[in-house]
Amino acid sequence: MVQVLTVGQISHMFDCLKATVSINVCNDFHCIGRKDMHSFLSIMTKHRNVCAHGDRFFNYITKDSITDTPIHRKLHIPQVNGRYQNGKNDIFSEVIILKYLLEMGFPENWISILRLKC
């Protein structure tokens, strides 16, 4: 069923689940919290809509943001007034979301690949 639903429909469906069911869903994804999952799905919906309607995604900033995650802290992302400057409502937030929700098949040397000049 999930394969035929849009990201927005999945987001709404998650919001309507009973607490015990949504907790079980979150536990399947590395034990993230319900609040985290809600913010992830909300941002994913906005990002999907930007891409689907032909807008520029690379510099798109949403008005809301994902919750602070351990990844933000581990990456030592700069903060201003206690708020992370990247990975909250930008394209990098989508990378963080995907890290939590997908088994990401990046090669071990992916960082060095980023440094290559074209």
Protein backbone atom coordinates (compact mmCIF):
# COMPACT_ATOMS: atom_id res chain seq x y z
CA MET A 1 0.00 0.00 0.00
CA VAL A 2 2.79 2.42 0.84
CA GLN A 3 4.17 2.11 -2.69
CA VAL A 4 1.07 3.76 -4.17
CA LEU A 5 0.75 6.56 -1.61
CA THR A 6 2.41 9.95 -2.01
CA VAL A 7 4.86 11.20 0.60
CA GLY A 8 2.19 13.65 1.74
CA GLN A 9 -0.37 10.87 2.14
CA ILE A 10 2.11 8.79 4.13
CA SER A 11 2.77 11.82 6.34
CA HIS A 12 -0.95 12.31 7.00
CA MET A 13 -1.44 8.59 7.59
CA PHE A 14 1.40 8.57 10.14
CA ASP A 15 -0.22 11.49 11.99
CA CYS A 16 -3.48 9.52 12.24
CA LEU A 17 -1.95 6.31 13.61
CA LYS A 18 -2.60 5.26 17.18
CA ALA A 19 0.36 5.97 19.45
CA THR A 20 1.31 2.30 19.85
CA VAL A 21 1.36 1.76 16.08
CA SER A 22 3.39 4.90 15.34
CA ILE A 23 5.89 3.94 18.06
CA ASN A 24 6.31 0.53 16.41
CA VAL A 25 6.85 2.18 13.04
CA CYS A 26 9.50 4.48 14.52
CA ASN A 27 11.24 1.56 16.20
CA ASP A 28 11.65 -0.06 12.78
CA PHE A 29 13.74 2.96 11.74
CA HIS A 30 16.61 2.93 14.24
CA CYS A 31 14.36 3.83 17.17
CA ILE A 32 13.68 7.42 16.17
CA GLY A 33 10.98 9.24 18.10
CA ARG A 34 7.48 10.07 16.91
CA LYS A 35 8.25 13.79 16.94
CA ASP A 36 11.34 13.13 14.81
CA MET A 37 9.40 11.01 12.33
CA HIS A 38 6.67 13.64 12.08
CA SER A 39 9.23 16.34 11.29
CA PHE A 40 11.04 14.07 8.80
CA LEU A 41 7.85 13.26 6.90
CA SER A 42 6.75 16.90 6.90
CA ILE A 43 10.04 18.13 5.45
CA MET A 44 10.19 15.26 2.96
CA THR A 45 6.71 16.25 1.73
CA LYS A 46 7.79 19.85 1.21
CA HIS A 47 10.99 18.83 -0.58
CA ARG A 48 9.11 16.39 -2.79
CA ASN A 49 6.62 19.08 -3.75
CA VAL A 50 9.38 21.53 -4.68
CA CYS A 51 10.97 18.93 -6.96
CA ALA A 52 7.67 17.78 -8.45
CA HIS A 53 6.60 21.31 -9.38
CA GLY A 54 9.84 22.26 -11.07
CA ASP A 55 11.14 24.66 -8.44
CA ARG A 56 14.81 24.93 -7.50
CA PHE A 57 15.59 22.40 -4.80
CA PHE A 58 19.29 23.09 -4.26
CA ASN A 59 18.65 26.37 -2.42
CA TYR A 60 15.13 25.74 -1.08
CA ILE A 61 14.60 26.46 2.62
CA THR A 62 11.41 25.34 4.38
CA LYS A 63 9.72 27.44 7.04
CA ASP A 64 9.66 24.51 9.48
CA SER A 65 12.53 22.18 10.25
CA ILE A 66 13.49 18.72 11.38
CA THR A 67 14.21 18.07 15.02
CA ASP A 68 17.78 18.21 16.27
CA THR A 69 19.39 14.80 15.80
CA PRO A 70 22.55 13.16 17.09
CA ILE A 71 23.92 13.58 13.56
CA HIS A 72 23.83 17.37 13.94
CA ARG A 73 25.90 17.11 17.11
CA LYS A 74 28.33 14.50 15.76
CA LEU A 75 29.04 16.60 12.67
CA HIS A 76 29.71 19.68 14.83
CA ILE A 77 27.40 21.77 12.66
CA PRO A 78 27.80 25.43 13.66
CA GLN A 79 25.08 26.93 15.83
CA VAL A 80 23.83 30.48 16.25
CA ASN A 81 21.71 31.17 19.32
CA GLY A 82 21.48 27.41 19.97
CA ARG A 83 20.13 26.66 16.47
CA TYR A 84 22.03 24.56 13.96
CA GLN A 85 22.79 26.54 10.80
CA ASN A 86 22.58 23.60 8.39
CA GLY A 87 20.66 20.37 8.17
CA LYS A 88 17.45 21.65 9.67
CA ASN A 89 15.34 23.00 6.78
CA ASP A 90 17.64 22.83 3.76
CA ILE A 91 18.83 20.22 1.27
CA PHE A 92 21.23 18.79 3.89
CA SER A 93 18.25 18.06 6.15
CA GLU A 94 17.07 15.64 3.44
CA VAL A 95 20.42 13.83 3.60
CA ILE A 96 20.02 13.49 7.36
CA ILE A 97 16.46 12.20 6.94
CA LEU A 98 17.58 9.66 4.36
CA LYS A 99 20.37 8.52 6.68
CA TYR A 100 17.73 7.64 9.29
CA LEU A 101 15.11 6.15 6.98
CA LEU A 102 17.12 4.31 4.32
CA GLU A 103 19.98 1.89 4.19
CA MET A 104 22.26 4.23 2.27
CA GLY A 105 24.51 2.46 -0.17
CA PHE A 106 27.35 4.97 -0.18
CA PRO A 107 30.82 3.64 -0.97
CA GLU A 108 33.35 3.77 1.87
CA ASN A 109 35.33 6.50 0.11
CA TRP A 110 32.36 8.78 -0.52
CA ILE A 111 33.97 11.73 1.27
CA SER A 112 37.03 11.62 -0.99
CA ILE A 113 34.69 11.44 -4.00
CA LEU A 114 33.17 14.77 -2.93
CA ARG A 115 36.63 16.36 -3.00
CA LEU A 116 37.33 15.35 -6.60
CA LYS A 117 37.42 18.18 -9.10
CA CYS A 118 35.39 17.65 -12.27
